[in-house]
C-alpha atoms as a PDB file:
ATOM      1  CA  MET A   1      67.243  58.704 -27.764  1.00  0.00           C
ATOM      2  CA  ALA A   2      63.570  58.851 -28.557  1.00  0.00           C
ATOM      3  CA  VAL A   3      62.647  56.448 -31.360  1.00  0.00           C
ATOM      4  CA  HIS A   4      65.563  54.312 -32.565  1.00  0.00           C
ATOM      5  CA  ASP A   5      66.231  54.540 -36.308  1.00  0.00           C
ATOM      6  CA  THR A   6      65.674  50.798 -36.775  1.00  0.00           C
ATOM      7  CA  VAL A   7      62.182  51.238 -35.316  1.00  0.00           C
ATOM      8  CA  ARG A   8      61.236  54.462 -37.112  1.00  0.00           C
ATOM      9  CA  ASN A   9      62.458  53.092 -40.455  1.00  0.00           C
ATOM     10  CA  HIS A  10      60.765  49.696 -40.051  1.00  0.00           C
ATOM     11  CA  PRO A  11      58.074  49.149 -42.706  1.00  0.00           C
ATOM     12  CA  ASP A  12      55.441  48.411 -40.018  1.00  0.00           C
ATOM     13  CA  TRP A  13      56.066  51.602 -38.005  1.00  0.00           C
ATOM     14  CA  PRO A  14      53.645  53.864 -39.942  1.00  0.00           C
ATOM     15  CA  GLN A  15      50.816  51.381 -39.426  1.00  0.00           C
ATOM     16  CA  LEU A  16      51.509  51.271 -35.675  1.00  0.00           C
ATOM     17  CA  ALA A  17      51.488  55.082 -35.519  1.00  0.00           C
ATOM     18  CA  GLN A  18      48.153  55.154 -37.336  1.00  0.00           C
ATOM     19  CA  LEU A  19      46.633  52.505 -35.041  1.00  0.00           C
ATOM     20  CA  VAL A  20      47.791  54.386 -31.935  1.00  0.00           C
ATOM     21  CA  HIS A  21      46.271  57.571 -33.348  1.00  0.00           C
ATOM     22  CA  GLU A  22      42.963  55.811 -34.038  1.00  0.00           C
ATOM     23  CA  LEU A  23      42.717  53.662 -30.903  1.00  0.00           C
ATOM     24  CA  ALA A  24      44.527  55.550 -28.146  1.00  0.00           C
ATOM     25  CA  PHE A  25      44.708  59.290 -28.794  1.00  0.00           C
ATOM     26  CA  LEU A  26      42.365  61.992 -27.518  1.00  0.00           C
ATOM     27  CA  ASP A  27      42.877  65.727 -28.063  1.00  0.00           C
ATOM     28  CA  GLY A  28      40.938  67.689 -25.436  1.00  0.00           C
ATOM     29  CA  GLY A  29      41.512  71.024 -27.123  1.00  0.00           C
ATOM     30  CA  ASN A  30      43.061  72.847 -24.148  1.00  0.00           C
ATOM     31  CA  ASP A  31      46.027  72.316 -21.847  1.00  0.00           C
ATOM     32  CA  SER A  32      43.982  71.236 -18.816  1.00  0.00           C
ATOM     33  CA  ALA A  33      41.557  68.885 -20.542  1.00  0.00           C
ATOM     34  CA  PHE A  34      42.925  65.732 -18.881  1.00  0.00           C
ATOM     35  CA  THR A  35      44.500  64.915 -15.521  1.00  0.00           C
ATOM     36  CA  LEU A  36      47.235  62.313 -15.989  1.00  0.00           C
ATOM     37  CA  ALA A  37      48.320  59.588 -13.570  1.00  0.00           C
ATOM     38  CA  SER A  38      51.321  61.793 -12.731  1.00  0.00           C
ATOM     39  CA  GLY A  39      48.889  64.513 -11.593  1.00  0.00           C
ATOM     40  CA  ARG A  40      49.840  66.793 -14.472  1.00  0.00           C
ATOM     41  CA  GLN A  41      47.252  68.480 -16.672  1.00  0.00           C
ATOM     42  CA  SER A  42      47.421  67.904 -20.410  1.00  0.00           C
ATOM     43  CA  ARG A  43      45.631  68.652 -23.631  1.00  0.00           C
ATOM     44  CA  TRP A  44      46.435  65.149 -24.894  1.00  0.00           C
ATOM     45  CA  PHE A  45      45.504  61.730 -23.527  1.00  0.00           C
ATOM     46  CA  PHE A  46      46.777  58.321 -24.640  1.00  0.00           C
ATOM     47  CA  ASP A  47      45.051  55.098 -23.582  1.00  0.00           C
ATOM     48  CA  THR A  48      47.241  52.362 -25.004  1.00  0.00           C
ATOM     49  CA  LYS A  49      45.265  49.448 -23.521  1.00  0.00           C
ATOM     50  CA  PRO A  50      43.072  49.185 -26.671  1.00  0.00           C
ATOM     51  CA  VAL A  51      46.275  49.221 -28.743  1.00  0.00           C
ATOM     52  CA  MET A  52      47.814  46.360 -26.770  1.00  0.00           C
ATOM     53  CA  MET A  53      44.593  44.370 -27.170  1.00  0.00           C
ATOM     54  CA  HIS A  54      44.368  44.939 -30.945  1.00  0.00           C
ATOM     55  CA  PRO A  55      45.782  42.014 -32.978  1.00  0.00           C
ATOM     56  CA  GLN A  56      47.580  44.042 -35.663  1.00  0.00           C
ATOM     57  CA  ALA A  57      48.962  46.613 -33.241  1.00  0.00           C
ATOM     58  CA  ALA A  58      50.065  43.926 -30.777  1.00  0.00           C
ATOM     59  CA  THR A  59      51.825  42.015 -33.550  1.00  0.00           C
ATOM     60  CA  ILE A  60      53.705  45.109 -34.687  1.00  0.00           C
ATOM     61  CA  MET A  61      54.654  46.117 -31.133  1.00  0.00           C
ATOM     62  CA  GLY A  62      55.898  42.589 -30.434  1.00  0.00           C
ATOM     63  CA  ARG A  63      58.014  42.713 -33.576  1.00  0.00           C
ATOM     64  CA  LEU A  64      59.480  46.186 -32.905  1.00  0.00           C
ATOM     65  CA  LEU A  65      60.128  45.592 -29.213  1.00  0.00           C
ATOM     66  CA  ASN A  66      61.846  42.286 -29.941  1.00  0.00           C
ATOM     67  CA  LEU A  67      63.966  44.014 -32.577  1.00  0.00           C
ATOM     68  CA  ARG A  68      65.286  46.387 -29.911  1.00  0.00           C
ATOM     69  CA  ILE A  69      65.489  43.806 -27.100  1.00  0.00           C
ATOM     70  CA  GLN A  70      67.636  41.548 -29.282  1.00  0.00           C
ATOM     71  CA  ALA A  71      69.868  44.474 -30.282  1.00  0.00           C
ATOM     72  CA  LEU A  72      70.349  45.266 -26.585  1.00  0.00           C
ATOM     73  CA  GLY A  73      71.180  41.630 -25.772  1.00  0.00           C
ATOM     74  CA  ALA A  74      68.539  41.284 -23.045  1.00  0.00           C
ATOM     75  CA  THR A  75      66.978  37.945 -22.098  1.00  0.00           C
ATOM     76  CA  LEU A  76      64.451  39.318 -19.598  1.00  0.00           C
ATOM     77  CA  VAL A  77      61.602  41.764 -20.143  1.00  0.00           C
ATOM     78  CA  GLY A  78      59.019  43.172 -17.757  1.00  0.00           C
ATOM     79  CA  GLY A  79      57.880  46.160 -15.823  1.00  0.00           C
ATOM     80  CA  LEU A  80      55.516  47.719 -13.351  1.00  0.00           C
ATOM     81  CA  GLU A  81      51.884  46.636 -13.236  1.00  0.00           C
ATOM     82  CA  LEU A  82      49.457  47.321 -14.898  1.00  0.00           C
ATOM     83  CA  GLY A  83      50.597  48.652 -18.256  1.00  0.00           C
ATOM     84  CA  ALA A  84      53.694  46.478 -18.516  1.00  0.00           C
ATOM     85  CA  VAL A  85      51.826  43.211 -17.884  1.00  0.00           C
ATOM     86  CA  PRO A  86      50.006  42.844 -21.237  1.00  0.00           C
ATOM     87  CA  LEU A  87      52.955  44.467 -22.992  1.00  0.00           C
ATOM     88  CA  THR A  88      55.369  41.897 -21.560  1.00  0.00           C
ATOM     89  CA  ALA A  89      53.023  39.061 -22.548  1.00  0.00           C
ATOM     90  CA  LEU A  90      52.774  40.197 -26.150  1.00  0.00           C
ATOM     91  CA  VAL A  91      56.560  40.590 -26.358  1.00  0.00           C
ATOM     92  CA  VAL A  92      57.406  37.100 -25.095  1.00  0.00           C
ATOM     93  CA  ALA A  93      54.565  35.489 -27.102  1.00  0.00           C
ATOM     94  CA  SER A  94      55.641  37.192 -30.331  1.00  0.00           C
ATOM     95  CA  PRO A  95      56.958  34.912 -33.089  1.00  0.00           C
ATOM     96  CA  ASP A  96      59.851  37.392 -33.283  1.00  0.00           C
ATOM     97  CA  ALA A  97      60.976  36.666 -29.694  1.00  0.00           C
ATOM     98  CA  GLU A  98      64.226  34.836 -29.081  1.00  0.00           C
ATOM     99  CA  GLU A  99      63.657  31.371 -27.650  1.00  0.00           C
ATOM    100  CA  ASN A 100      65.341  32.289 -24.358  1.00  0.00           C
ATOM    101  CA  LEU A 101      63.400  35.539 -23.730  1.00  0.00           C
ATOM    102  CA  ARG A 102      61.387  35.439 -20.497  1.00  0.00           C
ATOM    103  CA  GLY A 103      58.989  37.873 -18.843  1.00  0.00           C
ATOM    104  CA  PHE A 104      58.197  39.112 -15.355  1.00  0.00           C
ATOM    105  CA  MET A 105      56.133  41.784 -13.610  1.00  0.00           C
ATOM    106  CA  VAL A 106      56.803  44.117 -10.715  1.00  0.00           C
ATOM    107  CA  ARG A 107      53.902  44.812  -8.365  1.00  0.00           C
ATOM    108  CA  LYS A 108      53.440  48.384  -7.183  1.00  0.00           C
ATOM    109  CA  SER A 109      52.939  47.027  -3.658  1.00  0.00           C
ATOM    110  CA  PRO A 110      54.508  43.646  -2.848  1.00  0.00           C
ATOM    111  CA  LYS A 111      52.011  41.175  -1.425  1.00  0.00           C
ATOM    112  CA  GLY A 112      54.646  39.744   0.903  1.00  0.00           C
ATOM    113  CA  ARG A 113      54.711  36.199  -0.347  1.00  0.00           C
ATOM    114  CA  GLY A 114      57.342  36.494  -3.055  1.00  0.00           C
ATOM    115  CA  GLY A 115      57.953  33.851  -5.672  1.00  0.00           C
ATOM    116  CA  ARG A 116      57.576  30.574  -3.841  1.00  0.00           C
ATOM    117  CA  LYS A 117      58.495  28.576  -6.921  1.00  0.00           C
ATOM    118  CA  THR A 118      60.837  31.108  -8.547  1.00  0.00           C
ATOM    119  CA  ASN A 119      62.660  32.420  -5.457  1.00  0.00           C
ATOM    120  CA  ASN A 120      61.941  35.968  -6.620  1.00  0.00           C
ATOM    121  CA  PRO A 121      61.721  38.657  -3.944  1.00  0.00           C
ATOM    122  CA  PRO A 122      58.238  39.782  -2.862  1.00  0.00           C
ATOM    123  CA  GLY A 123      56.470  41.732  -5.558  1.00  0.00           C
ATOM    124  CA  ILE A 124      58.459  40.394  -8.514  1.00  0.00           C
ATOM    125  CA  GLU A 125      56.534  37.640 -10.257  1.00  0.00           C
ATOM    126  CA  GLY A 126      56.779  35.521 -13.365  1.00  0.00           C
ATOM    127  CA  THR A 127      60.097  34.147 -14.553  1.00  0.00           C
ATOM    128  CA  SER A 128      62.762  33.531 -11.933  1.00  0.00           C
ATOM    129  CA  LEU A 129      65.323  36.334 -11.808  1.00  0.00           C
ATOM    130  CA  GLU A 130      67.471  34.363  -9.374  1.00  0.00           C
ATOM    131  CA  GLY A 131      70.327  33.841 -11.838  1.00  0.00           C
ATOM    132  CA  GLY A 132      70.508  37.492 -12.883  1.00  0.00           C
ATOM    133  CA  GLY A 133      70.620  38.705 -16.469  1.00  0.00           C
ATOM    134  CA  ASP A 134      70.128  41.736 -18.660  1.00  0.00           C
ATOM    135  CA  VAL A 135      66.660  43.272 -18.474  1.00  0.00           C
ATOM    136  CA  VAL A 136      64.600  45.614 -20.621  1.00  0.00           C
ATOM    137  CA  ILE A 137      61.843  47.379 -18.703  1.00  0.00           C
ATOM    138  CA  VAL A 138      58.752  48.085 -20.805  1.00  0.00           C
ATOM    139  CA  GLU A 139      56.045  50.668 -20.219  1.00  0.00           C
ATOM    140  CA  ASP A 140      52.935  51.663 -22.127  1.00  0.00           C
ATOM    141  CA  VAL A 141      52.967  55.476 -21.851  1.00  0.00           C
ATOM    142  CA  THR A 142      55.806  57.489 -20.345  1.00  0.00           C
ATOM    143  CA  THR A 143      55.311  60.998 -18.974  1.00  0.00           C
ATOM    144  CA  THR A 144      57.941  61.680 -16.305  1.00  0.00           C
ATOM    145  CA  GLY A 145      59.462  58.201 -16.180  1.00  0.00           C
ATOM    146  CA  GLY A 146      58.597  57.746 -12.511  1.00  0.00           C
ATOM    147  CA  SER A 147      56.845  54.383 -12.833  1.00  0.00           C
ATOM    148  CA  SER A 148      59.651  52.783 -14.775  1.00  0.00           C
ATOM    149  CA  ILE A 149      62.300  54.215 -12.473  1.00  0.00           C
ATOM    150  CA  VAL A 150      60.487  52.486  -9.573  1.00  0.00           C
ATOM    151  CA  ALA A 151      60.682  49.195 -11.498  1.00  0.00           C
ATOM    152  CA  VAL A 152      64.370  49.746 -12.329  1.00  0.00           C
ATOM    153  CA  GLU A 153      65.207  50.458  -8.686  1.00  0.00           C
ATOM    154  CA  ARG A 154      63.356  47.340  -7.511  1.00  0.00           C
ATOM    155  CA  ILE A 155      65.209  45.176 -10.042  1.00  0.00           C
ATOM    156  CA  HIS A 156      68.603  46.671  -9.151  1.00  0.00           C
ATOM    157  CA  ASN A 157      68.003  46.595  -5.383  1.00  0.00           C
ATOM    158  CA  ASP A 158      66.286  43.210  -5.067  1.00  0.00           C
ATOM    159  CA  THR A 159      67.896  41.045  -7.773  1.00  0.00           C
ATOM    160  CA  ASP A 160      71.226  40.404  -9.475  1.00  0.00           C
ATOM    161  CA  CYS A 161      69.816  41.631 -12.789  1.00  0.00           C
ATOM    162  CA  ASN A 162      71.010  44.644 -14.745  1.00  0.00           C
ATOM    163  CA  VAL A 163      68.518  46.928 -16.505  1.00  0.00           C
ATOM    164  CA  VAL A 164      70.005  47.774 -19.908  1.00  0.00           C
ATOM    165  CA  ALA A 165      67.142  49.984 -21.140  1.00  0.00           C
ATOM    166  CA  VAL A 166      63.585  51.189 -20.684  1.00  0.00           C
ATOM    167  CA  ILE A 167      61.374  51.078 -23.779  1.00  0.00           C
ATOM    168  CA  SER A 168      57.933  52.664 -23.879  1.00  0.00           C
ATOM    169  CA  ILE A 169      55.198  52.383 -26.483  1.00  0.00           C
ATOM    170  CA  LEU A 170      54.791  56.149 -26.366  1.00  0.00           C
ATOM    171  CA  ASP A 171      56.883  58.967 -24.924  1.00  0.00           C
ATOM    172  CA  ARG A 172      54.698  61.971 -24.077  1.00  0.00           C
ATOM    173  CA  GLU A 173      57.850  64.146 -24.344  1.00  0.00           C
ATOM    174  CA  GLU A 174      57.311  65.690 -20.917  1.00  0.00           C
ATOM    175  CA  GLY A 175      60.608  65.035 -19.175  1.00  0.00           C
ATOM    176  CA  ALA A 176      61.099  61.270 -19.149  1.00  0.00           C
ATOM    177  CA  GLU A 177      64.118  61.306 -21.424  1.00  0.00           C
ATOM    178  CA  ALA A 178      65.949  63.769 -19.147  1.00  0.00           C
ATOM    179  CA  ALA A 179      64.924  61.858 -15.995  1.00  0.00           C
ATOM    180  CA  PHE A 180      66.254  58.572 -17.371  1.00  0.00           C
ATOM    181  CA  ALA A 181      69.460  60.251 -18.547  1.00  0.00           C
ATOM    182  CA  GLU A 182      69.987  61.652 -15.052  1.00  0.00           C
ATOM    183  CA  ALA A 183      69.427  58.170 -13.605  1.00  0.00           C
ATOM    184  CA  GLY A 184      71.895  56.680 -16.112  1.00  0.00           C
ATOM    185  CA  ILE A 185      69.267  54.494 -17.793  1.00  0.00           C
ATOM    186  CA  PRO A 186      69.012  54.316 -21.597  1.00  0.00           C
ATOM    187  CA  PHE A 187      65.476  55.201 -22.682  1.00  0.00           C
ATOM    188  CA  GLU A 188      63.669  54.909 -25.976  1.00  0.00           C
ATOM    189  CA  SER A 189      60.132  54.595 -27.275  1.00  0.00           C
ATOM    190  CA  LEU A 190      58.351  53.172 -30.284  1.00  0.00           C
ATOM    191  CA  LEU A 191      56.514  56.472 -30.808  1.00  0.00           C
ATOM    192  CA  THR A 192      56.447  60.012 -29.476  1.00  0.00           C
ATOM    193  CA  ARG A 193      53.562  62.340 -28.798  1.00  0.00           C
ATOM    194  CA  SER A 194      54.739  64.495 -31.714  1.00  0.00           C
ATOM    195  CA  ASP A 195      54.476  61.510 -34.064  1.00  0.00           C
ATOM    196  CA  ILE A 196      50.818  60.973 -33.137  1.00  0.00           C
ATOM    197  CA  VAL A 197      49.683  64.588 -32.836  1.00  0.00           C
ATOM    198  CA  ALA A 198      51.079  65.248 -36.330  1.00  0.00           C
ATOM    199  CA  LEU A 199      48.826  62.595 -37.950  1.00  0.00           C
END
């Protein structure tokens, strides 16, 4: 599934698409204009950090992500640094968040000290995951899905939590959906590349 119907049909979705187009999207004009974090070349580039730091966009993302997180029954949300850190914060701070929703982050490289107060394994910080629970992994931009799959594996291998879905702000439509399907992980996004390029 790309964009869930409840997200695409939400009255705030068109405004989010427009803000992402204005704040995050660059069209380089040819297929090798940009080198992505995955190493791939692309005509299109999306920098969602300005979107996450924009009050209207952040409010809408918090609302839409909480809509899906509640539908999935998750009580924990987080993901791999860096993109997931501000995204997690805006989700849990949203007025639309359930009272019991808590956030965490997964470091790319554990620092070795773990969660002294939370009893989390090294590299997983924030809310304690010691008691387990259902998790939604969030990501800012998804190309191949590799970053989120790393976070999913860390959560499944190092905690008693269960990842019920990965949700991205934007799916670049370059293989992530198939990679998550192969890994048995439900994946969706708030927007797709096609949504933004078409504006």
